[in-house]
């Protein structure tokens, strides 16, 4: 169940990133590369990322545009590759939107 929630969160986050042109986060045209900085730990499927800066971008795949890679800020360490499902919005937000589930106190965001 955690993996499904994580995958849905990641898909939603990427969709928000791909649909907007944010001021603080910048998405490249082809790979939708977007840099996020988290002030606390965040859980992605399979592991917890500590507070810090991370790069989310679409994989270089001609067959599937829904593959997301998560790297450290220098893009020299890959944390994971995820198959995602786009969630289209009728009215895009003006900046990236990340939605977190409520967790037990002391546990990382998911």
C-alpha atoms as a PDB file:
ATOM      1  CA  UNK A   1       0.000   0.000   0.000  1.00  0.00           C
ATOM      2  CA  UNK A   2       2.917   2.356   0.803  1.00  0.00           C
ATOM      3  CA  UNK A   3       4.398   1.825  -2.650  1.00  0.00           C
ATOM      4  CA  UNK A   4       1.069   2.644  -4.303  1.00  0.00           C
ATOM      5  CA  UNK A   5       0.687   5.830  -2.232  1.00  0.00           C
ATOM      6  CA  UNK A   6       4.269   6.792  -2.981  1.00  0.00           C
ATOM      7  CA  UNK A   7       3.825   6.193  -6.688  1.00  0.00           C
ATOM      8  CA  UNK A   8       0.630   8.232  -6.720  1.00  0.00           C
ATOM      9  CA  UNK A   9       2.333  11.041  -4.794  1.00  0.00           C
ATOM     10  CA  UNK A  10       5.254  11.001  -7.198  1.00  0.00           C
ATOM     11  CA  UNK A  11       2.922  11.007 -10.214  1.00  0.00           C
ATOM     12  CA  UNK A  12       0.989  13.943  -8.778  1.00  0.00           C
ATOM     13  CA  UNK A  13       4.164  15.845  -7.994  1.00  0.00           C
ATOM     14  CA  UNK A  14       5.522  15.284 -11.466  1.00  0.00           C
ATOM     15  CA  UNK A  15       2.283  16.265 -13.072  1.00  0.00           C
ATOM     16  CA  UNK A  16       2.272  19.498 -11.128  1.00  0.00           C
ATOM     17  CA  UNK A  17       5.855  20.081 -12.209  1.00  0.00           C
ATOM     18  CA  UNK A  18       5.177  19.363 -15.869  1.00  0.00           C
ATOM     19  CA  UNK A  19       2.080  21.560 -16.073  1.00  0.00           C
ATOM     20  CA  UNK A  20       3.478  24.774 -14.677  1.00  0.00           C
ATOM     21  CA  UNK A  21       6.377  27.138 -15.177  1.00  0.00           C
ATOM     22  CA  UNK A  22       7.378  27.790 -11.557  1.00  0.00           C
ATOM     23  CA  UNK A  23       9.445  30.722 -10.322  1.00  0.00           C
ATOM     24  CA  UNK A  24      11.717  28.800  -7.948  1.00  0.00           C
ATOM     25  CA  UNK A  25      11.759  25.424  -9.688  1.00  0.00           C
ATOM     26  CA  UNK A  26      12.657  25.306 -13.353  1.00  0.00           C
ATOM     27  CA  UNK A  27      11.570  22.514 -15.697  1.00  0.00           C
ATOM     28  CA  UNK A  28      13.587  21.890 -18.846  1.00  0.00           C
ATOM     29  CA  UNK A  29      11.639  21.457 -22.066  1.00  0.00           C
ATOM     30  CA  UNK A  30      12.421  17.797 -22.861  1.00  0.00           C
ATOM     31  CA  UNK A  31      13.098  16.064 -19.554  1.00  0.00           C
ATOM     32  CA  UNK A  32      10.994  18.364 -17.332  1.00  0.00           C
ATOM     33  CA  UNK A  33      13.945  18.517 -14.933  1.00  0.00           C
ATOM     34  CA  UNK A  34      12.790  20.164 -11.731  1.00  0.00           C
ATOM     35  CA  UNK A  35      14.728  20.833  -8.549  1.00  0.00           C
ATOM     36  CA  UNK A  36      12.938  20.486  -5.198  1.00  0.00           C
ATOM     37  CA  UNK A  37      14.294  21.358  -1.754  1.00  0.00           C
ATOM     38  CA  UNK A  38      12.653  19.632   1.210  1.00  0.00           C
ATOM     39  CA  UNK A  39      13.022  20.992   4.747  1.00  0.00           C
ATOM     40  CA  UNK A  40      12.432  17.574   6.326  1.00  0.00           C
ATOM     41  CA  UNK A  41      12.658  13.884   5.416  1.00  0.00           C
ATOM     42  CA  UNK A  42      10.411  12.676   2.578  1.00  0.00           C
ATOM     43  CA  UNK A  43       9.562   9.077   1.728  1.00  0.00           C
ATOM     44  CA  UNK A  44       9.608   7.876  -1.857  1.00  0.00           C
ATOM     45  CA  UNK A  45       8.821   4.251  -2.730  1.00  0.00           C
ATOM     46  CA  UNK A  46      11.498   2.083  -1.170  1.00  0.00           C
ATOM     47  CA  UNK A  47      13.408   4.682   0.855  1.00  0.00           C
ATOM     48  CA  UNK A  48      13.445   7.917   2.812  1.00  0.00           C
ATOM     49  CA  UNK A  49      15.181  11.016   1.433  1.00  0.00           C
ATOM     50  CA  UNK A  50      16.668  13.234   4.121  1.00  0.00           C
ATOM     51  CA  UNK A  51      16.068  16.978   4.080  1.00  0.00           C
ATOM     52  CA  UNK A  52      17.860  18.509   1.120  1.00  0.00           C
ATOM     53  CA  UNK A  53      17.750  19.257  -2.588  1.00  0.00           C
ATOM     54  CA  UNK A  54      16.732  16.676  -5.187  1.00  0.00           C
ATOM     55  CA  UNK A  55      16.275  16.591  -8.955  1.00  0.00           C
ATOM     56  CA  UNK A  56      13.150  15.009 -10.465  1.00  0.00           C
ATOM     57  CA  UNK A  57      13.118  14.479 -14.223  1.00  0.00           C
ATOM     58  CA  UNK A  58      11.613  12.351 -16.945  1.00  0.00           C
ATOM     59  CA  UNK A  59      13.816   9.519 -18.182  1.00  0.00           C
ATOM     60  CA  UNK A  60      15.214   9.716 -21.709  1.00  0.00           C
ATOM     61  CA  UNK A  61      12.808   7.158 -23.183  1.00  0.00           C
ATOM     62  CA  UNK A  62      11.305   7.279 -26.652  1.00  0.00           C
ATOM     63  CA  UNK A  63       8.638   4.723 -25.720  1.00  0.00           C
ATOM     64  CA  UNK A  64       7.306   6.030 -22.393  1.00  0.00           C
ATOM     65  CA  UNK A  65       7.138   9.643 -21.150  1.00  0.00           C
ATOM     66  CA  UNK A  66       5.909   8.586 -17.699  1.00  0.00           C
ATOM     67  CA  UNK A  67       9.197   7.305 -16.255  1.00  0.00           C
ATOM     68  CA  UNK A  68      10.529   9.563 -13.499  1.00  0.00           C
ATOM     69  CA  UNK A  69      14.068   9.553 -12.133  1.00  0.00           C
ATOM     70  CA  UNK A  70      14.997  11.026  -8.737  1.00  0.00           C
ATOM     71  CA  UNK A  71      18.609  12.201  -8.252  1.00  0.00           C
ATOM     72  CA  UNK A  72      20.623  14.108  -5.674  1.00  0.00           C
ATOM     73  CA  UNK A  73      21.200  17.792  -6.456  1.00  0.00           C
ATOM     74  CA  UNK A  74      24.437  17.062  -8.369  1.00  0.00           C
ATOM     75  CA  UNK A  75      22.688  14.342 -10.407  1.00  0.00           C
ATOM     76  CA  UNK A  76      25.471  11.865  -9.667  1.00  0.00           C
ATOM     77  CA  UNK A  77      23.392   9.567  -7.420  1.00  0.00           C
ATOM     78  CA  UNK A  78      20.125   7.993  -8.600  1.00  0.00           C
ATOM     79  CA  UNK A  79      17.649   7.284  -5.780  1.00  0.00           C
ATOM     80  CA  UNK A  80      15.012   5.612  -7.906  1.00  0.00           C
ATOM     81  CA  UNK A  81      13.207   5.188 -11.200  1.00  0.00           C
ATOM     82  CA  UNK A  82       9.422   5.177 -11.074  1.00  0.00           C
ATOM     83  CA  UNK A  83       6.634   4.446 -13.550  1.00  0.00           C
ATOM     84  CA  UNK A  84       4.034   7.153 -13.042  1.00  0.00           C
ATOM     85  CA  UNK A  85       0.538   8.029 -14.211  1.00  0.00           C
ATOM     86  CA  UNK A  86      -0.152  11.615 -15.323  1.00  0.00           C
ATOM     87  CA  UNK A  87      -2.952  13.489 -13.567  1.00  0.00           C
ATOM     88  CA  UNK A  88      -4.083  16.319 -15.817  1.00  0.00           C
ATOM     89  CA  UNK A  89      -5.591  19.517 -14.404  1.00  0.00           C
ATOM     90  CA  UNK A  90      -8.100  21.745 -16.138  1.00  0.00           C
ATOM     91  CA  UNK A  91      -6.489  24.821 -14.597  1.00  0.00           C
ATOM     92  CA  UNK A  92      -2.716  24.524 -13.927  1.00  0.00           C
ATOM     93  CA  UNK A  93      -1.306  26.056 -10.761  1.00  0.00           C
ATOM     94  CA  UNK A  94       1.211  28.901 -10.940  1.00  0.00           C
ATOM     95  CA  UNK A  95       3.928  26.839  -9.233  1.00  0.00           C
ATOM     96  CA  UNK A  96       4.731  23.176  -8.488  1.00  0.00           C
ATOM     97  CA  UNK A  97       2.384  21.453  -6.056  1.00  0.00           C
ATOM     98  CA  UNK A  98       3.447  18.586  -3.835  1.00  0.00           C
ATOM     99  CA  UNK A  99       0.825  16.872  -1.700  1.00  0.00           C
ATOM    100  CA  UNK A 100       1.802  14.919   1.402  1.00  0.00           C
ATOM    101  CA  UNK A 101      -0.220  12.428   3.428  1.00  0.00           C
ATOM    102  CA  UNK A 102      -0.633  13.030   7.145  1.00  0.00           C
ATOM    103  CA  UNK A 103       1.719  10.760   9.085  1.00  0.00           C
ATOM    104  CA  UNK A 104       2.319   9.761  12.671  1.00  0.00           C
ATOM    105  CA  UNK A 105       4.470  12.319  14.508  1.00  0.00           C
ATOM    106  CA  UNK A 106       8.170  11.720  13.864  1.00  0.00           C
ATOM    107  CA  UNK A 107       7.734   9.655  10.688  1.00  0.00           C
ATOM    108  CA  UNK A 108       8.920  11.004   7.306  1.00  0.00           C
ATOM    109  CA  UNK A 109       6.589  12.595   4.772  1.00  0.00           C
ATOM    110  CA  UNK A 110       5.381  10.182   2.090  1.00  0.00           C
END
